[in-house]
Every structure is written in C-alpha cells, then in structure tokens.
Amino acid sequence: MSEIQTTVPRNETPEDRCEYCGNPFPTSDRLVLHKGLKHLQQLDDEEEEAFLAARSEEADELRTLRLKALGALVLLYFGFLMLYAIFA
C-alpha cells in the first residue's frame, strides 16, 4: 500500500511536523490523530491519551454531522411531500 503524502499550500505554514516521519500538518489536532494512527507503538502515555481524546472528540463531531444531515434529509423529504400534496 502506498503512503499518501501530505502537503501544506505554499501560502500557509505548517502548524507542526511529525517527528517520526516528517509529514507536515495544518493543525495540531491532525498531527495528534496521525501519530495515533500511524505511530501508536512509539507514543508515550501522554501522547496516547491525547490521541484517544482527539479521536473521541472527532467521533462526537462526526455523530453531530450525521444527525444534522439526517435532519436535513427528513426536512427535505417532508418539504417535497407537502409540495406534492399541495400541487398534485
């Protein structure tokens, strides 16, 4: 499997670089997640706790996004249903 190379746009500077592989990351949260996913065996306890907290926070954000998307789809469905009931 080939590794995906990460880059930061020229007009921006990277927030931080991974000390294990040297890849740049735009935010420290992404760096923490990268370390936990790619370099878990090399992390100390503090870094591992930071990864678990970041992963939990990201899971909460994804859950919120999914609920909002579901709500939008339900509203869209009932909106079209009401339009059909009115104009059909």
PDB file of N, CA and C in Angstrom:
ATOM      1  N   MET A   1       0.836  -1.166   0.000  1.00  0.00           N
ATOM      2  CA  MET A   1       0.000   0.000   0.000  1.00  0.00           C
ATOM      3  C   MET A   1       0.889   1.239   0.000  1.00  0.00           C
ATOM      4  N   SER A   2       0.623   2.168  -0.891  1.00  0.00           N
ATOM      5  CA  SER A   2       1.441   3.367  -0.977  1.00  0.00           C
ATOM      6  C   SER A   2       0.977   4.389   0.058  1.00  0.00           C
ATOM      7  N   GLU A   3       1.925   5.106   0.611  1.00  0.00           N
ATOM      8  CA  GLU A   3       1.628   6.134   1.596  1.00  0.00           C
ATOM      9  C   GLU A   3       1.170   7.400   0.890  1.00  0.00           C
ATOM     10  N   ILE A   4       0.161   8.052   1.429  1.00  0.00           N
ATOM     11  CA  ILE A   4      -0.320   9.313   0.893  1.00  0.00           C
ATOM     12  C   ILE A   4       0.559  10.417   1.455  1.00  0.00           C
ATOM     13  N   GLN A   5       1.150  11.213   0.595  1.00  0.00           N
ATOM     14  CA  GLN A   5       1.978  12.318   1.028  1.00  0.00           C
ATOM     15  C   GLN A   5       1.104  13.519   1.343  1.00  0.00           C
ATOM     16  N   THR A   6       1.341  14.140   2.469  1.00  0.00           N
ATOM     17  CA  THR A   6       0.579  15.320   2.838  1.00  0.00           C
ATOM     18  C   THR A   6       1.381  16.561   2.486  1.00  0.00           C
ATOM     19  N   THR A   7       0.684  17.587   2.057  1.00  0.00           N
ATOM     20  CA  THR A   7       1.347  18.847   1.746  1.00  0.00           C
ATOM     21  C   THR A   7       0.535  19.985   2.330  1.00  0.00           C
ATOM     22  N   VAL A   8       1.207  21.073   2.563  1.00  0.00           N
ATOM     23  CA  VAL A   8       0.571  22.293   3.029  1.00  0.00           C
ATOM     24  C   VAL A   8       0.689  23.301   1.896  1.00  0.00           C
ATOM     25  N   PRO A   9      -0.375  24.046   1.573  1.00  0.00           N
ATOM     26  CA  PRO A   9      -0.296  25.028   0.491  1.00  0.00           C
ATOM     27  C   PRO A   9       0.865  26.003   0.688  1.00  0.00           C
ATOM     28  N   ARG A  10       1.379  26.538  -0.419  1.00  0.00           N
ATOM     29  CA  ARG A  10       2.562  27.402  -0.365  1.00  0.00           C
ATOM     30  C   ARG A  10       2.347  28.659   0.467  1.00  0.00           C
ATOM     31  N   ASN A  11       1.138  29.204   0.454  1.00  0.00           N
ATOM     32  CA  ASN A  11       0.894  30.456   1.169  1.00  0.00           C
ATOM     33  C   ASN A  11       0.635  30.233   2.662  1.00  0.00           C
ATOM     34  N   GLU A  12       0.679  28.993   3.128  1.00  0.00           N
ATOM     35  CA  GLU A  12       0.479  28.679   4.541  1.00  0.00           C
ATOM     36  C   GLU A  12       1.709  27.973   5.087  1.00  0.00           C
ATOM     37  N   THR A  13       1.907  28.104   6.373  1.00  0.00           N
ATOM     38  CA  THR A  13       2.999  27.380   7.009  1.00  0.00           C
ATOM     39  C   THR A  13       2.398  26.254   7.845  1.00  0.00           C
ATOM     40  N   PRO A  14       3.056  25.108   7.899  1.00  0.00           N
ATOM     41  CA  PRO A  14       2.502  24.002   8.674  1.00  0.00           C
ATOM     42  C   PRO A  14       2.515  24.326  10.165  1.00  0.00           C
ATOM     43  N   GLU A  15       1.481  23.898  10.845  1.00  0.00           N
ATOM     44  CA  GLU A  15       1.393  24.084  12.295  1.00  0.00           C
ATOM     45  C   GLU A  15       2.500  23.286  12.979  1.00  0.00           C
ATOM     46  N   ASP A  16       2.695  22.074  12.495  1.00  0.00           N
ATOM     47  CA  ASP A  16       3.682  21.203  13.119  1.00  0.00           C
ATOM     48  C   ASP A  16       4.051  20.085  12.158  1.00  0.00           C
ATOM     49  N   ARG A  17       5.129  19.404  12.458  1.00  0.00           N
ATOM     50  CA  ARG A  17       5.577  18.257  11.667  1.00  0.00           C
ATOM     51  C   ARG A  17       5.682  17.043  12.587  1.00  0.00           C
ATOM     52  N   CYS A  18       5.408  15.900  11.999  1.00  0.00           N
ATOM     53  CA  CYS A  18       5.531  14.651  12.741  1.00  0.00           C
ATOM     54  C   CYS A  18       7.015  14.359  12.954  1.00  0.00           C
ATOM     55  N   GLU A  19       7.400  14.125  14.210  1.00  0.00           N
ATOM     56  CA  GLU A  19       8.817  13.851  14.475  1.00  0.00           C
ATOM     57  C   GLU A  19       9.240  12.451  14.066  1.00  0.00           C
ATOM     58  N   TYR A  20       8.271  11.585  13.736  1.00  0.00           N
ATOM     59  CA  TYR A  20       8.599  10.226  13.325  1.00  0.00           C
ATOM     60  C   TYR A  20       8.787  10.103  11.820  1.00  0.00           C
ATOM     61  N   CYS A  21       7.932  10.766  11.032  1.00  0.00           N
ATOM     62  CA  CYS A  21       8.027  10.633   9.575  1.00  0.00           C
ATOM     63  C   CYS A  21       8.243  11.961   8.852  1.00  0.00           C
ATOM     64  N   GLY A  22       8.108  13.087   9.541  1.00  0.00           N
ATOM     65  CA  GLY A  22       8.385  14.383   8.944  1.00  0.00           C
ATOM     66  C   GLY A  22       7.255  14.997   8.142  1.00  0.00           C
ATOM     67  N   ASN A  23       6.083  14.372   8.094  1.00  0.00           N
ATOM     68  CA  ASN A  23       4.958  14.938   7.340  1.00  0.00           C
ATOM     69  C   ASN A  23       4.437  16.201   8.017  1.00  0.00           C
ATOM     70  N   PRO A  24       4.109  17.243   7.215  1.00  0.00           N
ATOM     71  CA  PRO A  24       3.552  18.468   7.794  1.00  0.00           C
ATOM     72  C   PRO A  24       2.050  18.338   8.010  1.00  0.00           C
ATOM     73  N   PHE A  25       1.541  19.051   9.015  1.00  0.00           N
ATOM     74  CA  PHE A  25       0.111  19.043   9.310  1.00  0.00           C
ATOM     75  C   PHE A  25      -0.353  20.454   9.610  1.00  0.00           C
ATOM     76  N   PRO A  26      -1.543  20.831   9.097  1.00  0.00           N
ATOM     77  CA  PRO A  26      -2.021  22.206   9.266  1.00  0.00           C
ATOM     78  C   PRO A  26      -2.473  22.523  10.684  1.00  0.00           C
ATOM     79  N   THR A  27      -2.886  21.530  11.448  1.00  0.00           N
ATOM     80  CA  THR A  27      -3.322  21.758  12.827  1.00  0.00           C
ATOM     81  C   THR A  27      -2.701  20.709  13.742  1.00  0.00           C
ATOM     82  N   SER A  28      -2.611  21.068  15.002  1.00  0.00           N
ATOM     83  CA  SER A  28      -2.034  20.125  15.965  1.00  0.00           C
ATOM     84  C   SER A  28      -2.959  18.932  16.199  1.00  0.00           C
ATOM     85  N   ASP A  29      -4.283  19.138  16.056  1.00  0.00           N
ATOM     86  CA  ASP A  29      -5.214  18.016  16.209  1.00  0.00           C
ATOM     87  C   ASP A  29      -4.970  16.946  15.157  1.00  0.00           C
ATOM     88  N   ARG A  30      -4.744  17.373  13.932  1.00  0.00           N
ATOM     89  CA  ARG A  30      -4.467  16.393  12.870  1.00  0.00           C
ATOM     90  C   ARG A  30      -3.150  15.677  13.107  1.00  0.00           C
ATOM     91  N   LEU A  31      -2.175  16.386  13.652  1.00  0.00           N
ATOM     92  CA  LEU A  31      -0.899  15.750  13.972  1.00  0.00           C
ATOM     93  C   LEU A  31      -1.093  14.684  15.045  1.00  0.00           C
ATOM     94  N   VAL A  32      -1.875  14.999  16.075  1.00  0.00           N
ATOM     95  CA  VAL A  32      -2.127  14.038  17.157  1.00  0.00           C
ATOM     96  C   VAL A  32      -2.835  12.802  16.604  1.00  0.00           C
ATOM     97  N   LEU A  33      -3.836  13.007  15.744  1.00  0.00           N
ATOM     98  CA  LEU A  33      -4.545  11.866  15.151  1.00  0.00           C
ATOM     99  C   LEU A  33      -3.612  11.042  14.263  1.00  0.00           C
ATOM    100  N   HIS A  34      -2.761  11.704  13.491  1.00  0.00           N
ATOM    101  CA  HIS A  34      -1.806  10.990  12.637  1.00  0.00           C
ATOM    102  C   HIS A  34      -0.870  10.117  13.466  1.00  0.00           C
ATOM    103  N   LYS A  35      -0.333  10.701  14.537  1.00  0.00           N
ATOM    104  CA  LYS A  35       0.583   9.933  15.382  1.00  0.00           C
ATOM    105  C   LYS A  35      -0.098   8.699  15.960  1.00  0.00           C
ATOM    106  N   GLY A  36      -1.343   8.859  16.398  1.00  0.00           N
ATOM    107  CA  GLY A  36      -2.058   7.729  16.982  1.00  0.00           C
ATOM    108  C   GLY A  36      -2.390   6.654  15.974  1.00  0.00           C
ATOM    109  N   LEU A  37      -2.629   7.057  14.724  1.00  0.00           N
ATOM    110  CA  LEU A  37      -2.985   6.070  13.700  1.00  0.00           C
ATOM    111  C   LEU A  37      -1.771   5.415  13.059  1.00  0.00           C
ATOM    112  N   LYS A  38      -0.695   6.164  12.891  1.00  0.00           N
ATOM    113  CA  LYS A  38       0.472   5.633  12.174  1.00  0.00           C
ATOM    114  C   LYS A  38       1.637   5.226  13.069  1.00  0.00           C
ATOM    115  N   HIS A  39       1.749   5.819  14.246  1.00  0.00           N
ATOM    116  CA  HIS A  39       2.922   5.587  15.097  1.00  0.00           C
ATOM    117  C   HIS A  39       2.519   5.229  16.525  1.00  0.00           C
ATOM    118  N   LEU A  40       1.479   4.451  16.701  1.00  0.00           N
ATOM    119  CA  LEU A  40       0.935   4.166  18.034  1.00  0.00           C
ATOM    120  C   LEU A  40       1.949   3.481  18.950  1.00  0.00           C
ATOM    121  N   GLN A  41       2.752   2.581  18.437  1.00  0.00           N
ATOM    122  CA  GLN A  41       3.712   1.857  19.275  1.00  0.00           C
ATOM    123  C   GLN A  41       4.826   2.766  19.789  1.00  0.00           C
ATOM    124  N   GLN A  42       5.067   3.891  19.120  1.00  0.00           N
ATOM    125  CA  GLN A  42       6.162   4.782  19.505  1.00  0.00           C
ATOM    126  C   GLN A  42       5.730   5.888  20.462  1.00  0.00           C
ATOM    127  N   LEU A  43       4.446   5.985  20.767  1.00  0.00           N
ATOM    128  CA  LEU A  43       3.943   7.068  21.598  1.00  0.00           C
ATOM    129  C   LEU A  43       4.116   6.774  23.078  1.00  0.00           C
ATOM    130  N   ASP A  44       4.332   7.848  23.849  1.00  0.00           N
ATOM    131  CA  ASP A  44       4.340   7.673  25.299  1.00  0.00           C
ATOM    132  C   ASP A  44       2.904   7.790  25.819  1.00  0.00           C
ATOM    133  N   ASP A  45       2.733   7.646  27.108  1.00  0.00           N
ATOM    134  CA  ASP A  45       1.390   7.620  27.693  1.00  0.00           C
ATOM    135  C   ASP A  45       0.640   8.932  27.472  1.00  0.00           C
ATOM    136  N   GLU A  46       1.329  10.057  27.599  1.00  0.00           N
ATOM    137  CA  GLU A  46       0.690  11.358  27.429  1.00  0.00           C
ATOM    138  C   GLU A  46       0.207  11.556  25.990  1.00  0.00           C
ATOM    139  N   GLU A  47       1.040  11.180  25.030  1.00  0.00           N
ATOM    140  CA  GLU A  47       0.645  11.308  23.623  1.00  0.00           C
ATOM    141  C   GLU A  47      -0.504  10.360  23.286  1.00  0.00           C
ATOM    142  N   GLU A  48      -0.493   9.176  23.876  1.00  0.00           N
ATOM    143  CA  GLU A  48      -1.574   8.224  23.634  1.00  0.00           C
ATOM    144  C   GLU A  48      -2.897   8.736  24.209  1.00  0.00           C
ATOM    145  N   GLU A  49      -2.851   9.356  25.378  1.00  0.00           N
ATOM    146  CA  GLU A  49      -4.052   9.943  25.954  1.00  0.00           C
ATOM    147  C   GLU A  49      -4.575  11.090  25.093  1.00  0.00           C
ATOM    148  N   ALA A  50      -3.661  11.902  24.557  1.00  0.00           N
ATOM    149  CA  ALA A  50      -4.060  12.999  23.671  1.00  0.00           C
ATOM    150  C   ALA A  50      -4.721  12.443  22.413  1.00  0.00           C
ATOM    151  N   PHE A  51      -4.196  11.341  21.883  1.00  0.00           N
ATOM    152  CA  PHE A  51      -4.792  10.711  20.703  1.00  0.00           C
ATOM    153  C   PHE A  51      -6.192  10.201  21.008  1.00  0.00           C
ATOM    154  N   LEU A  52      -6.358   9.531  22.137  1.00  0.00           N
ATOM    155  CA  LEU A  52      -7.671   8.997  22.489  1.00  0.00           C
ATOM    156  C   LEU A  52      -8.688  10.121  22.686  1.00  0.00           C
ATOM    157  N   ALA A  53      -8.262  11.220  23.293  1.00  0.00           N
ATOM    158  CA  ALA A  53      -9.162  12.369  23.476  1.00  0.00           C
ATOM    159  C   ALA A  53      -9.521  12.992  22.131  1.00  0.00           C
ATOM    160  N   ALA A  54      -8.538  13.141  21.238  1.00  0.00           N
ATOM    161  CA  ALA A  54      -8.804  13.721  19.913  1.00  0.00           C
ATOM    162  C   ALA A  54      -9.713  12.811  19.098  1.00  0.00           C
ATOM    163  N   ARG A  55      -9.509  11.512  19.199  1.00  0.00           N
ATOM    164  CA  ARG A  55     -10.353  10.570  18.468  1.00  0.00           C
ATOM    165  C   ARG A  55     -11.783  10.600  18.986  1.00  0.00           C
ATOM    166  N   SER A  56     -11.940  10.712  20.295  1.00  0.00           N
ATOM    167  CA  SER A  56     -13.274  10.802  20.883  1.00  0.00           C
ATOM    168  C   SER A  56     -13.977  12.089  20.455  1.00  0.00           C
ATOM    169  N   GLU A  57     -13.237  13.194  20.446  1.00  0.00           N
ATOM    170  CA  GLU A  57     -13.807  14.473  20.017  1.00  0.00           C
ATOM    171  C   GLU A  57     -14.210  14.427  18.542  1.00  0.00           C
ATOM    172  N   GLU A  58     -13.376  13.811  17.728  1.00  0.00           N
ATOM    173  CA  GLU A  58     -13.700  13.694  16.307  1.00  0.00           C
ATOM    174  C   GLU A  58     -14.935  12.811  16.102  1.00  0.00           C
ATOM    175  N   ALA A  59     -15.050  11.745  16.889  1.00  0.00           N
ATOM    176  CA  ALA A  59     -16.226  10.871  16.784  1.00  0.00           C
ATOM    177  C   ALA A  59     -17.493  11.634  17.165  1.00  0.00           C
ATOM    178  N   ASP A  60     -17.405  12.495  18.182  1.00  0.00           N
ATOM    179  CA  ASP A  60     -18.559  13.314  18.575  1.00  0.00           C
ATOM    180  C   ASP A  60     -18.943  14.284  17.457  1.00  0.00           C
ATOM    181  N   GLU A  61     -17.939  14.889  16.834  1.00  0.00           N
ATOM    182  CA  GLU A  61     -18.210  15.812  15.728  1.00  0.00           C
ATOM    183  C   GLU A  61     -18.853  15.089  14.549  1.00  0.00           C
ATOM    184  N   LEU A  62     -18.395  13.890  14.256  1.00  0.00           N
ATOM    185  CA  LEU A  62     -18.984  13.109  13.169  1.00  0.00           C
ATOM    186  C   LEU A  62     -20.422  12.712  13.482  1.00  0.00           C
ATOM    187  N   ARG A  63     -20.679  12.350  14.727  1.00  0.00           N
ATOM    188  CA  ARG A  63     -22.039  11.995  15.133  1.00  0.00           C
ATOM    189  C   ARG A  63     -22.973  13.194  14.968  1.00  0.00           C
ATOM    190  N   THR A  64     -22.506  14.375  15.357  1.00  0.00           N
ATOM    191  CA  THR A  64     -23.297  15.597  15.204  1.00  0.00           C
ATOM    192  C   THR A  64     -23.553  15.889  13.731  1.00  0.00           C
ATOM    193  N   LEU A  65     -22.533  15.735  12.898  1.00  0.00           N
ATOM    194  CA  LEU A  65     -22.694  15.960  11.468  1.00  0.00           C
ATOM    195  C   LEU A  65     -23.711  14.992  10.864  1.00  0.00           C
ATOM    196  N   ARG A  66     -23.655  13.739  11.266  1.00  0.00           N
ATOM    197  CA  ARG A  66     -24.602  12.749  10.748  1.00  0.00           C
ATOM    198  C   ARG A  66     -26.034  13.073  11.163  1.00  0.00           C
ATOM    199  N   LEU A  67     -26.218  13.519  12.406  1.00  0.00           N
ATOM    200  CA  LEU A  67     -27.557  13.884  12.869  1.00  0.00           C
ATOM    201  C   LEU A  67     -28.090  15.097  12.117  1.00  0.00           C
ATOM    202  N   LYS A  68     -27.233  16.073  11.860  1.00  0.00           N
ATOM    203  CA  LYS A  68     -27.653  17.248  11.094  1.00  0.00           C
ATOM    204  C   LYS A  68     -28.016  16.860   9.664  1.00  0.00           C
ATOM    205  N   ALA A  69     -27.225  15.981   9.054  1.00  0.00           N
ATOM    206  CA  ALA A  69     -27.524  15.531   7.693  1.00  0.00           C
ATOM    207  C   ALA A  69     -28.833  14.763   7.656  1.00  0.00           C
ATOM    208  N   LEU A  70     -29.069  13.915   8.640  1.00  0.00           N
ATOM    209  CA  LEU A  70     -30.327  13.181   8.712  1.00  0.00           C
ATOM    210  C   LEU A  70     -31.502  14.144   8.880  1.00  0.00           C
ATOM    211  N   GLY A  71     -31.359  15.138   9.732  1.00  0.00           N
ATOM    212  CA  GLY A  71     -32.409  16.136   9.915  1.00  0.00           C
ATOM    213  C   GLY A  71     -32.694  16.897   8.630  1.00  0.00           C
ATOM    214  N   ALA A  72     -31.647  17.254   7.895  1.00  0.00           N
ATOM    215  CA  ALA A  72     -31.836  17.965   6.632  1.00  0.00           C
ATOM    216  C   ALA A  72     -32.566  17.081   5.620  1.00  0.00           C
ATOM    217  N   LEU A  73     -32.223  15.812   5.563  1.00  0.00           N
ATOM    218  CA  LEU A  73     -32.902  14.898   4.643  1.00  0.00           C
ATOM    219  C   LEU A  73     -34.369  14.713   5.006  1.00  0.00           C
ATOM    220  N   VAL A  74     -34.663  14.618   6.302  1.00  0.00           N
ATOM    221  CA  VAL A  74     -36.053  14.478   6.736  1.00  0.00           C
ATOM    222  C   VAL A  74     -36.852  15.725   6.371  1.00  0.00           C
ATOM    223  N   LEU A  75     -36.276  16.903   6.620  1.00  0.00           N
ATOM    224  CA  LEU A  75     -36.958  18.143   6.243  1.00  0.00           C
ATOM    225  C   LEU A  75     -37.167  18.244   4.741  1.00  0.00           C
ATOM    226  N   LEU A  76     -36.168  17.860   3.981  1.00  0.00           N
ATOM    227  CA  LEU A  76     -36.298  17.878   2.526  1.00  0.00           C
ATOM    228  C   LEU A  76     -37.388  16.920   2.058  1.00  0.00           C
ATOM    229  N   TYR A  77     -37.416  15.729   2.616  1.00  0.00           N
ATOM    230  CA  TYR A  77     -38.421  14.736   2.253  1.00  0.00           C
ATOM    231  C   TYR A  77     -39.831  15.264   2.536  1.00  0.00           C
ATOM    232  N   PHE A  78     -40.034  15.762   3.760  1.00  0.00           N
ATOM    233  CA  PHE A  78     -41.365  16.248   4.106  1.00  0.00           C
ATOM    234  C   PHE A  78     -41.719  17.526   3.353  1.00  0.00           C
ATOM    235  N   GLY A  79     -40.728  18.329   3.009  1.00  0.00           N
ATOM    236  CA  GLY A  79     -40.984  19.504   2.175  1.00  0.00           C
ATOM    237  C   GLY A  79     -41.507  19.103   0.809  1.00  0.00           C
ATOM    238  N   PHE A  80     -40.842  18.128   0.173  1.00  0.00           N
ATOM    239  CA  PHE A  80     -41.325  17.640  -1.129  1.00  0.00           C
ATOM    240  C   PHE A  80     -42.686  16.955  -0.995  1.00  0.00           C
ATOM    241  N   LEU A  81     -42.903  16.249   0.095  1.00  0.00           N
ATOM    242  CA  LEU A  81     -44.198  15.601   0.317  1.00  0.00           C
ATOM    243  C   LEU A  81     -45.304  16.647   0.432  1.00  0.00           C
ATOM    244  N   MET A  82     -45.046  17.723   1.140  1.00  0.00           N
ATOM    245  CA  MET A  82     -46.047  18.794   1.281  1.00  0.00           C
ATOM    246  C   MET A  82     -46.292  19.486  -0.065  1.00  0.00           C
ATOM    247  N   LEU A  83     -45.219  19.732  -0.823  1.00  0.00           N
ATOM    248  CA  LEU A  83     -45.385  20.327  -2.154  1.00  0.00           C
ATOM    249  C   LEU A  83     -46.202  19.416  -3.060  1.00  0.00           C
ATOM    250  N   TYR A  84     -45.945  18.128  -3.000  1.00  0.00           N
ATOM    251  CA  TYR A  84     -46.725  17.183  -3.810  1.00  0.00           C
ATOM    252  C   TYR A  84     -48.192  17.196  -3.387  1.00  0.00           C
ATOM    253  N   ALA A  85     -48.442  17.234  -2.067  1.00  0.00           N
ATOM    254  CA  ALA A  85     -49.813  17.231  -1.565  1.00  0.00           C
ATOM    255  C   ALA A  85     -50.542  18.513  -1.968  1.00  0.00           C
ATOM    256  N   ILE A  86     -49.847  19.613  -2.045  1.00  0.00           N
ATOM    257  CA  ILE A  86     -50.481  20.888  -2.391  1.00  0.00           C
ATOM    258  C   ILE A  86     -50.724  20.993  -3.896  1.00  0.00           C
ATOM    259  N   PHE A  87     -49.750  20.646  -4.718  1.00  0.00           N
ATOM    260  CA  PHE A  87     -49.831  20.899  -6.148  1.00  0.00           C
ATOM    261  C   PHE A  87     -50.266  19.697  -6.983  1.00  0.00           C
ATOM    262  N   ALA A  88     -50.401  18.537  -6.401  1.00  0.00           N
ATOM    263  CA  ALA A  88     -50.757  17.361  -7.206  1.00  0.00           C
ATOM    264  C   ALA A  88     -52.253  17.116  -7.231  1.00  0.00           C
TER     265      ALA A  88
END
